Amino acid sequence: MNPRSVSLGQPTARTGPDCHDAVCITCADIAVPVRVRELTADGLAVVDTDAGREEISVALVEAGPGDVVLVHAKEAIAVVEQHS
């Protein structure tokens, strides 16, 4: 689902940071694997992407530093590799 629309295709206010001049890799219409660098106290994580570091939500998964998570629209939706 596009983060700028609801299931009926109606526009809605976008939450989170605005991306200017380029689309953040984790805001694209695809899910991408990224490695968790660190967890923050507020249910977020700093991850490494091809474009650099970004902050994402890990509220839906149990992930830790070193884990690879699948991210869509700045939300981790699955853990695809756990760091031992």
PDB file of N, CA and C in Angstrom:
ATOM      1  N   MET A   1       0.834  -1.175   0.000  1.00  0.00           N
ATOM      2  CA  MET A   1       0.000   0.000   0.000  1.00  0.00           C
ATOM      3  C   MET A   1       0.875   1.233   0.000  1.00  0.00           C
ATOM      4  N   ASN A   2       0.562   2.173  -0.796  1.00  0.00           N
ATOM      5  CA  ASN A   2       1.281   3.429  -0.855  1.00  0.00           C
ATOM      6  C   ASN A   2       1.064   4.188   0.446  1.00  0.00           C
ATOM      7  N   PRO A   3       2.122   4.697   1.112  1.00  0.00           N
ATOM      8  CA  PRO A   3       1.954   5.401   2.375  1.00  0.00           C
ATOM      9  C   PRO A   3       1.178   6.696   2.236  1.00  0.00           C
ATOM     10  N   ARG A   4       0.910   7.135   1.025  1.00  0.00           N
ATOM     11  CA  ARG A   4       0.175   8.378   0.820  1.00  0.00           C
ATOM     12  C   ARG A   4      -1.302   8.148   0.507  1.00  0.00           C
ATOM     13  N   SER A   5      -1.753   6.900   0.567  1.00  0.00           N
ATOM     14  CA  SER A   5      -3.152   6.626   0.268  1.00  0.00           C
ATOM     15  C   SER A   5      -3.680   5.521   1.159  1.00  0.00           C
ATOM     16  N   VAL A   6      -4.986   5.445   1.271  1.00  0.00           N
ATOM     17  CA  VAL A   6      -5.623   4.365   2.011  1.00  0.00           C
ATOM     18  C   VAL A   6      -6.076   3.316   1.024  1.00  0.00           C
ATOM     19  N   SER A   7      -6.654   2.221   1.514  1.00  0.00           N
ATOM     20  CA  SER A   7      -6.994   1.115   0.631  1.00  0.00           C
ATOM     21  C   SER A   7      -7.987   1.502  -0.460  1.00  0.00           C
ATOM     22  N   LEU A   8      -8.784   2.526  -0.266  1.00  0.00           N
ATOM     23  CA  LEU A   8      -9.730   2.962  -1.288  1.00  0.00           C
ATOM     24  C   LEU A   8      -9.106   3.920  -2.288  1.00  0.00           C
ATOM     25  N   GLY A   9      -7.824   4.211  -2.119  1.00  0.00           N
ATOM     26  CA  GLY A   9      -7.136   5.094  -3.051  1.00  0.00           C
ATOM     27  C   GLY A   9      -7.339   6.569  -2.766  1.00  0.00           C
ATOM     28  N   GLN A  10      -7.940   6.895  -1.636  1.00  0.00           N
ATOM     29  CA  GLN A  10      -8.164   8.291  -1.280  1.00  0.00           C
ATOM     30  C   GLN A  10      -6.902   8.873  -0.662  1.00  0.00           C
ATOM     31  N   PRO A  11      -6.511  10.107  -1.037  1.00  0.00           N
ATOM     32  CA  PRO A  11      -5.328  10.715  -0.443  1.00  0.00           C
ATOM     33  C   PRO A  11      -5.524  10.933   1.057  1.00  0.00           C
ATOM     34  N   THR A  12      -4.455  10.830   1.778  1.00  0.00           N
ATOM     35  CA  THR A  12      -4.481  11.062   3.212  1.00  0.00           C
ATOM     36  C   THR A  12      -3.206  11.782   3.611  1.00  0.00           C
ATOM     37  N   ALA A  13      -3.215  12.383   4.777  1.00  0.00           N
ATOM     38  CA  ALA A  13      -2.019  13.086   5.248  1.00  0.00           C
ATOM     39  C   ALA A  13      -0.916  12.074   5.492  1.00  0.00           C
ATOM     40  N   ARG A  14       0.275  12.395   5.066  1.00  0.00           N
ATOM     41  CA  ARG A  14       1.426  11.515   5.243  1.00  0.00           C
ATOM     42  C   ARG A  14       2.062  11.822   6.574  1.00  0.00           C
ATOM     43  N   THR A  15       2.351  10.788   7.345  1.00  0.00           N
ATOM     44  CA  THR A  15       3.016  10.971   8.626  1.00  0.00           C
ATOM     45  C   THR A  15       4.497  10.696   8.467  1.00  0.00           C
ATOM     46  N   GLY A  16       5.277  11.195   9.387  1.00  0.00           N
ATOM     47  CA  GLY A  16       6.713  10.961   9.332  1.00  0.00           C
ATOM     48  C   GLY A  16       7.421  12.049   8.558  1.00  0.00           C
ATOM     49  N   PRO A  17       8.721  11.876   8.385  1.00  0.00           N
ATOM     50  CA  PRO A  17       9.502  12.919   7.708  1.00  0.00           C
ATOM     51  C   PRO A  17       9.182  12.992   6.226  1.00  0.00           C
ATOM     52  N   ASP A  18       9.237  14.204   5.688  1.00  0.00           N
ATOM     53  CA  ASP A  18       9.065  14.388   4.249  1.00  0.00           C
ATOM     54  C   ASP A  18      10.390  14.140   3.558  1.00  0.00           C
ATOM     55  N   CYS A  19      10.337  13.440   2.445  1.00  0.00           N
ATOM     56  CA  CYS A  19      11.538  13.220   1.653  1.00  0.00           C
ATOM     57  C   CYS A  19      11.560  14.267   0.550  1.00  0.00           C
ATOM     58  N   HIS A  20      12.644  14.992   0.436  1.00  0.00           N
ATOM     59  CA  HIS A  20      12.764  16.041  -0.558  1.00  0.00           C
ATOM     60  C   HIS A  20      13.829  15.663  -1.578  1.00  0.00           C
ATOM     61  N   ASP A  21      13.613  16.006  -2.833  1.00  0.00           N
ATOM     62  CA  ASP A  21      14.560  15.805  -3.925  1.00  0.00           C
ATOM     63  C   ASP A  21      14.807  14.339  -4.285  1.00  0.00           C
ATOM     64  N   ALA A  22      14.534  13.421  -3.374  1.00  0.00           N
ATOM     65  CA  ALA A  22      14.710  11.996  -3.644  1.00  0.00           C
ATOM     66  C   ALA A  22      13.814  11.226  -2.692  1.00  0.00           C
ATOM     67  N   VAL A  23      13.499  10.020  -3.039  1.00  0.00           N
ATOM     68  CA  VAL A  23      12.672   9.186  -2.186  1.00  0.00           C
ATOM     69  C   VAL A  23      13.569   8.370  -1.276  1.00  0.00           C
ATOM     70  N   CYS A  24      13.247   8.336   0.009  1.00  0.00           N
ATOM     71  CA  CYS A  24      13.987   7.486   0.937  1.00  0.00           C
ATOM     72  C   CYS A  24      13.832   6.048   0.489  1.00  0.00           C
ATOM     73  N   ILE A  25      14.869   5.259   0.596  1.00  0.00           N
ATOM     74  CA  ILE A  25      14.819   3.876   0.138  1.00  0.00           C
ATOM     75  C   ILE A  25      13.733   3.101   0.864  1.00  0.00           C
ATOM     76  N   THR A  26      13.498   3.378   2.148  1.00  0.00           N
ATOM     77  CA  THR A  26      12.491   2.639   2.889  1.00  0.00           C
ATOM     78  C   THR A  26      11.085   3.199   2.710  1.00  0.00           C
ATOM     79  N   CYS A  27      10.903   4.254   1.925  1.00  0.00           N
ATOM     80  CA  CYS A  27       9.572   4.787   1.624  1.00  0.00           C
ATOM     81  C   CYS A  27       9.085   4.344   0.247  1.00  0.00           C
ATOM     82  N   ALA A  28       9.896   3.660  -0.498  1.00  0.00           N
ATOM     83  CA  ALA A  28       9.519   3.250  -1.846  1.00  0.00           C
ATOM     84  C   ALA A  28       8.367   2.250  -1.790  1.00  0.00           C
ATOM     85  N   ASP A  29       7.791   1.929  -2.944  1.00  0.00           N
ATOM     86  CA  ASP A  29       6.669   1.003  -3.018  1.00  0.00           C
ATOM     87  C   ASP A  29       7.104  -0.450  -2.978  1.00  0.00           C
ATOM     88  N   ILE A  30       8.337  -0.713  -2.629  1.00  0.00           N
ATOM     89  CA  ILE A  30       8.835  -2.083  -2.514  1.00  0.00           C
ATOM     90  C   ILE A  30       9.331  -2.303  -1.096  1.00  0.00           C
ATOM     91  N   ALA A  31       9.432  -3.548  -0.698  1.00  0.00           N
ATOM     92  CA  ALA A  31      10.038  -3.867   0.594  1.00  0.00           C
ATOM     93  C   ALA A  31      11.507  -4.198   0.335  1.00  0.00           C
ATOM     94  N   VAL A  32      12.369  -3.692   1.190  1.00  0.00           N
ATOM     95  CA  VAL A  32      13.800  -3.906   1.005  1.00  0.00           C
ATOM     96  C   VAL A  32      14.426  -4.464   2.284  1.00  0.00           C
ATOM     97  N   PRO A  33      15.419  -5.337   2.143  1.00  0.00           N
ATOM     98  CA  PRO A  33      16.123  -5.833   3.326  1.00  0.00           C
ATOM     99  C   PRO A  33      17.169  -4.811   3.772  1.00  0.00           C
ATOM    100  N   VAL A  34      17.211  -4.560   5.077  1.00  0.00           N
ATOM    101  CA  VAL A  34      18.209  -3.654   5.656  1.00  0.00           C
ATOM    102  C   VAL A  34      18.718  -4.255   6.952  1.00  0.00           C
ATOM    103  N   ARG A  35      19.936  -3.885   7.336  1.00  0.00           N
ATOM    104  CA  ARG A  35      20.525  -4.394   8.574  1.00  0.00           C
ATOM    105  C   ARG A  35      20.310  -3.382   9.697  1.00  0.00           C
ATOM    106  N   VAL A  36      19.838  -3.895  10.842  1.00  0.00           N
ATOM    107  CA  VAL A  36      19.618  -3.058  12.019  1.00  0.00           C
ATOM    108  C   VAL A  36      20.965  -2.706  12.632  1.00  0.00           C
ATOM    109  N   ARG A  37      21.192  -1.439  12.803  1.00  0.00           N
ATOM    110  CA  ARG A  37      22.442  -0.960  13.399  1.00  0.00           C
ATOM    111  C   ARG A  37      22.276  -0.813  14.911  1.00  0.00           C
ATOM    112  N   GLU A  38      21.172  -0.193  15.334  1.00  0.00           N
ATOM    113  CA  GLU A  38      20.911   0.000  16.761  1.00  0.00           C
ATOM    114  C   GLU A  38      19.425   0.213  16.983  1.00  0.00           C
ATOM    115  N   LEU A  39      18.961  -0.136  18.189  1.00  0.00           N
ATOM    116  CA  LEU A  39      17.583   0.112  18.590  1.00  0.00           C
ATOM    117  C   LEU A  39      17.552   1.363  19.451  1.00  0.00           C
ATOM    118  N   THR A  40      16.468   2.119  19.348  1.00  0.00           N
ATOM    119  CA  THR A  40      16.288   3.289  20.203  1.00  0.00           C
ATOM    120  C   THR A  40      15.179   2.975  21.200  1.00  0.00           C
ATOM    121  N   ALA A  41      15.055   3.767  22.231  1.00  0.00           N
ATOM    122  CA  ALA A  41      14.109   3.503  23.311  1.00  0.00           C
ATOM    123  C   ALA A  41      12.649   3.666  22.897  1.00  0.00           C
ATOM    124  N   ASP A  42      12.380   4.290  21.777  1.00  0.00           N
ATOM    125  CA  ASP A  42      11.010   4.593  21.392  1.00  0.00           C
ATOM    126  C   ASP A  42      10.446   3.668  20.306  1.00  0.00           C
ATOM    127  N   GLY A  43      10.924   2.428  20.226  1.00  0.00           N
ATOM    128  CA  GLY A  43      10.403   1.470  19.252  1.00  0.00           C
ATOM    129  C   GLY A  43      10.898   1.676  17.844  1.00  0.00           C
ATOM    130  N   LEU A  44      11.967   2.420  17.709  1.00  0.00           N
ATOM    131  CA  LEU A  44      12.556   2.675  16.403  1.00  0.00           C
ATOM    132  C   LEU A  44      13.927   2.018  16.324  1.00  0.00           C
ATOM    133  N   ALA A  45      14.439   1.942  15.116  1.00  0.00           N
ATOM    134  CA  ALA A  45      15.775   1.399  14.906  1.00  0.00           C
ATOM    135  C   ALA A  45      16.489   2.223  13.852  1.00  0.00           C
ATOM    136  N   VAL A  46      17.781   2.324  13.999  1.00  0.00           N
ATOM    137  CA  VAL A  46      18.628   2.931  12.977  1.00  0.00           C
ATOM    138  C   VAL A  46      19.135   1.771  12.130  1.00  0.00           C
ATOM    139  N   VAL A  47      18.960   1.891  10.806  1.00  0.00           N
ATOM    140  CA  VAL A  47      19.358   0.816   9.898  1.00  0.00           C
ATOM    141  C   VAL A  47      20.307   1.352   8.838  1.00  0.00           C
ATOM    142  N   ASP A  48      21.082   0.430   8.273  1.00  0.00           N
ATOM    143  CA  ASP A  48      21.967   0.762   7.164  1.00  0.00           C
ATOM    144  C   ASP A  48      21.255   0.436   5.861  1.00  0.00           C
ATOM    145  N   THR A  49      21.166   1.414   4.957  1.00  0.00           N
ATOM    146  CA  THR A  49      20.596   1.199   3.631  1.00  0.00           C
ATOM    147  C   THR A  49      21.657   1.549   2.593  1.00  0.00           C
ATOM    148  N   ASP A  50      21.366   1.268   1.349  1.00  0.00           N
ATOM    149  CA  ASP A  50      22.290   1.643   0.275  1.00  0.00           C
ATOM    150  C   ASP A  50      22.476   3.157   0.202  1.00  0.00           C
ATOM    151  N   ALA A  51      21.480   3.904   0.668  1.00  0.00           N
ATOM    152  CA  ALA A  51      21.537   5.360   0.637  1.00  0.00           C
ATOM    153  C   ALA A  51      22.089   5.962   1.926  1.00  0.00           C
ATOM    154  N   GLY A  52      22.441   5.121   2.900  1.00  0.00           N
ATOM    155  CA  GLY A  52      22.950   5.618   4.178  1.00  0.00           C
ATOM    156  C   GLY A  52      22.077   5.154   5.324  1.00  0.00           C
ATOM    157  N   ARG A  53      22.224   5.787   6.462  1.00  0.00           N
ATOM    158  CA  ARG A  53      21.446   5.409   7.648  1.00  0.00           C
ATOM    159  C   ARG A  53      20.064   6.053   7.609  1.00  0.00           C
ATOM    160  N   GLU A  54      19.073   5.267   8.058  1.00  0.00           N
ATOM    161  CA  GLU A  54      17.706   5.757   8.179  1.00  0.00           C
ATOM    162  C   GLU A  54      17.103   5.219   9.456  1.00  0.00           C
ATOM    163  N   GLU A  55      16.063   5.886   9.934  1.00  0.00           N
ATOM    164  CA  GLU A  55      15.348   5.444  11.116  1.00  0.00           C
ATOM    165  C   GLU A  55      14.031   4.817  10.675  1.00  0.00           C
ATOM    166  N   ILE A  56      13.721   3.641  11.236  1.00  0.00           N
ATOM    167  CA  ILE A  56      12.502   2.926  10.888  1.00  0.00           C
ATOM    168  C   ILE A  56      11.809   2.463  12.164  1.00  0.00           C
ATOM    169  N   SER A  57      10.555   2.050  12.035  1.00  0.00           N
ATOM    170  CA  SER A  57       9.821   1.464  13.147  1.00  0.00           C
ATOM    171  C   SER A  57      10.062  -0.047  13.168  1.00  0.00           C
ATOM    172  N   VAL A  58      10.247  -0.596  14.361  1.00  0.00           N
ATOM    173  CA  VAL A  58      10.360  -2.044  14.527  1.00  0.00           C
ATOM    174  C   VAL A  58       9.253  -2.553  15.451  1.00  0.00           C
ATOM    175  N   ALA A  59       8.141  -1.838  15.486  1.00  0.00           N
ATOM    176  CA  ALA A  59       7.031  -2.175  16.377  1.00  0.00           C
ATOM    177  C   ALA A  59       6.390  -3.517  16.041  1.00  0.00           C
ATOM    178  N   LEU A  60       6.457  -3.960  14.795  1.00  0.00           N
ATOM    179  CA  LEU A  60       5.783  -5.186  14.374  1.00  0.00           C
ATOM    180  C   LEU A  60       6.658  -6.425  14.435  1.00  0.00           C
ATOM    181  N   VAL A  61       7.943  -6.261  14.716  1.00  0.00           N
ATOM    182  CA  VAL A  61       8.870  -7.399  14.703  1.00  0.00           C
ATOM    183  C   VAL A  61       9.741  -7.396  15.955  1.00  0.00           C
ATOM    184  N   GLU A  62      10.331  -8.535  16.235  1.00  0.00           N
ATOM    185  CA  GLU A  62      11.320  -8.632  17.310  1.00  0.00           C
ATOM    186  C   GLU A  62      12.688  -8.704  16.656  1.00  0.00           C
ATOM    187  N   ALA A  63      13.341  -7.568  16.567  1.00  0.00           N
ATOM    188  CA  ALA A  63      14.637  -7.475  15.890  1.00  0.00           C
ATOM    189  C   ALA A  63      15.644  -6.810  16.818  1.00  0.00           C
ATOM    190  N   GLY A  64      16.898  -7.122  16.586  1.00  0.00           N
ATOM    191  CA  GLY A  64      17.972  -6.534  17.364  1.00  0.00           C
ATOM    192  C   GLY A  64      19.120  -6.125  16.463  1.00  0.00           C
ATOM    193  N   PRO A  65      20.118  -5.488  17.036  1.00  0.00           N
ATOM    194  CA  PRO A  65      21.285  -5.082  16.259  1.00  0.00           C
ATOM    195  C   PRO A  65      21.902  -6.272  15.518  1.00  0.00           C
ATOM    196  N   GLY A  66      22.210  -6.062  14.247  1.00  0.00           N
ATOM    197  CA  GLY A  66      22.793  -7.095  13.412  1.00  0.00           C
ATOM    198  C   GLY A  66      21.776  -7.878  12.608  1.00  0.00           C
ATOM    199  N   ASP A  67      20.499  -7.852  13.019  1.00  0.00           N
ATOM    200  CA  ASP A  67      19.459  -8.564  12.281  1.00  0.00           C
ATOM    201  C   ASP A  67      19.172  -7.854  10.959  1.00  0.00           C
ATOM    202  N   VAL A  68      18.736  -8.631   9.972  1.00  0.00           N
ATOM    203  CA  VAL A  68      18.284  -8.073   8.700  1.00  0.00           C
ATOM    204  C   VAL A  68      16.765  -8.131   8.707  1.00  0.00           C
ATOM    205  N   VAL A  69      16.132  -6.982   8.470  1.00  0.00           N
ATOM    206  CA  VAL A  69      14.678  -6.901   8.442  1.00  0.00           C
ATOM    207  C   VAL A  69      14.205  -6.445   7.074  1.00  0.00           C
ATOM    208  N   LEU A  70      13.009  -6.864   6.726  1.00  0.00           N
ATOM    209  CA  LEU A  70      12.377  -6.432   5.487  1.00  0.00           C
ATOM    210  C   LEU A  70      11.544  -5.206   5.826  1.00  0.00           C
ATOM    211  N   VAL A  71      11.784  -4.092   5.108  1.00  0.00           N
ATOM    212  CA  VAL A  71      11.157  -2.815   5.443  1.00  0.00           C
ATOM    213  C   VAL A  71      10.330  -2.304   4.278  1.00  0.00           C
ATOM    214  N   HIS A  72       9.132  -1.834   4.616  1.00  0.00           N
ATOM    215  CA  HIS A  72       8.261  -1.167   3.642  1.00  0.00           C
ATOM    216  C   HIS A  72       7.677   0.056   4.322  1.00  0.00           C
ATOM    217  N   ALA A  73       7.774   1.192   3.674  1.00  0.00           N
ATOM    218  CA  ALA A  73       7.218   2.449   4.186  1.00  0.00           C
ATOM    219  C   ALA A  73       7.699   2.759   5.605  1.00  0.00           C
ATOM    220  N   LYS A  74       8.997   2.570   5.817  1.00  0.00           N
ATOM    221  CA  LYS A  74       9.655   2.858   7.100  1.00  0.00           C
ATOM    222  C   LYS A  74       9.173   1.971   8.236  1.00  0.00           C
ATOM    223  N   GLU A  75       8.569   0.815   7.917  1.00  0.00           N
ATOM    224  CA  GLU A  75       8.096  -0.140   8.917  1.00  0.00           C
ATOM    225  C   GLU A  75       8.720  -1.499   8.652  1.00  0.00           C
ATOM    226  N   ALA A  76       9.408  -2.055   9.648  1.00  0.00           N
ATOM    227  CA  ALA A  76       9.937  -3.415   9.519  1.00  0.00           C
ATOM    228  C   ALA A  76       8.752  -4.368   9.555  1.00  0.00           C
ATOM    229  N   ILE A  77       8.652  -5.224   8.523  1.00  0.00           N
ATOM    230  CA  ILE A  77       7.508  -6.123   8.441  1.00  0.00           C
ATOM    231  C   ILE A  77       7.893  -7.586   8.639  1.00  0.00           C
ATOM    232  N   ALA A  78       9.183  -7.900   8.649  1.00  0.00           N
ATOM    233  CA  ALA A  78       9.630  -9.273   8.867  1.00  0.00           C
ATOM    234  C   ALA A  78      11.117  -9.271   9.183  1.00  0.00           C
ATOM    235  N   VAL A  79      11.544 -10.249   9.966  1.00  0.00           N
ATOM    236  CA  VAL A  79      12.961 -10.483  10.196  1.00  0.00           C
ATOM    237  C   VAL A  79      13.377 -11.578   9.241  1.00  0.00           C
ATOM    238  N   VAL A  80      14.346 -11.297   8.372  1.00  0.00           N
ATOM    239  CA  VAL A  80      14.765 -12.296   7.370  1.00  0.00           C
ATOM    240  C   VAL A  80      16.082 -12.970   7.729  1.00  0.00           C
ATOM    241  N   GLU A  81      16.812 -12.383   8.670  1.00  0.00           N
ATOM    242  CA  GLU A  81      18.072 -12.987   9.134  1.00  0.00           C
ATOM    243  C   GLU A  81      18.369 -12.476  10.515  1.00  0.00           C
ATOM    244  N   GLN A  82      18.544 -13.392  11.463  1.00  0.00           N
ATOM    245  CA  GLN A  82      18.871 -12.988  12.824  1.00  0.00           C
ATOM    246  C   GLN A  82      20.364 -13.105  13.054  1.00  0.00           C
ATOM    247  N   HIS A  83      20.898 -12.095  13.728  1.00  0.00           N
ATOM    248  CA  HIS A  83      22.310 -12.082  14.086  1.00  0.00           C
ATOM    249  C   HIS A  83      22.505 -12.989  15.292  1.00  0.00           C
ATOM    250  N   SER A  84      23.464 -13.857  15.230  1.00  0.00           N
ATOM    251  CA  SER A  84      23.697 -14.818  16.336  1.00  0.00           C
ATOM    252  C   SER A  84      24.448 -14.179  17.459  1.00  0.00           C
TER     253      SER A  84
END
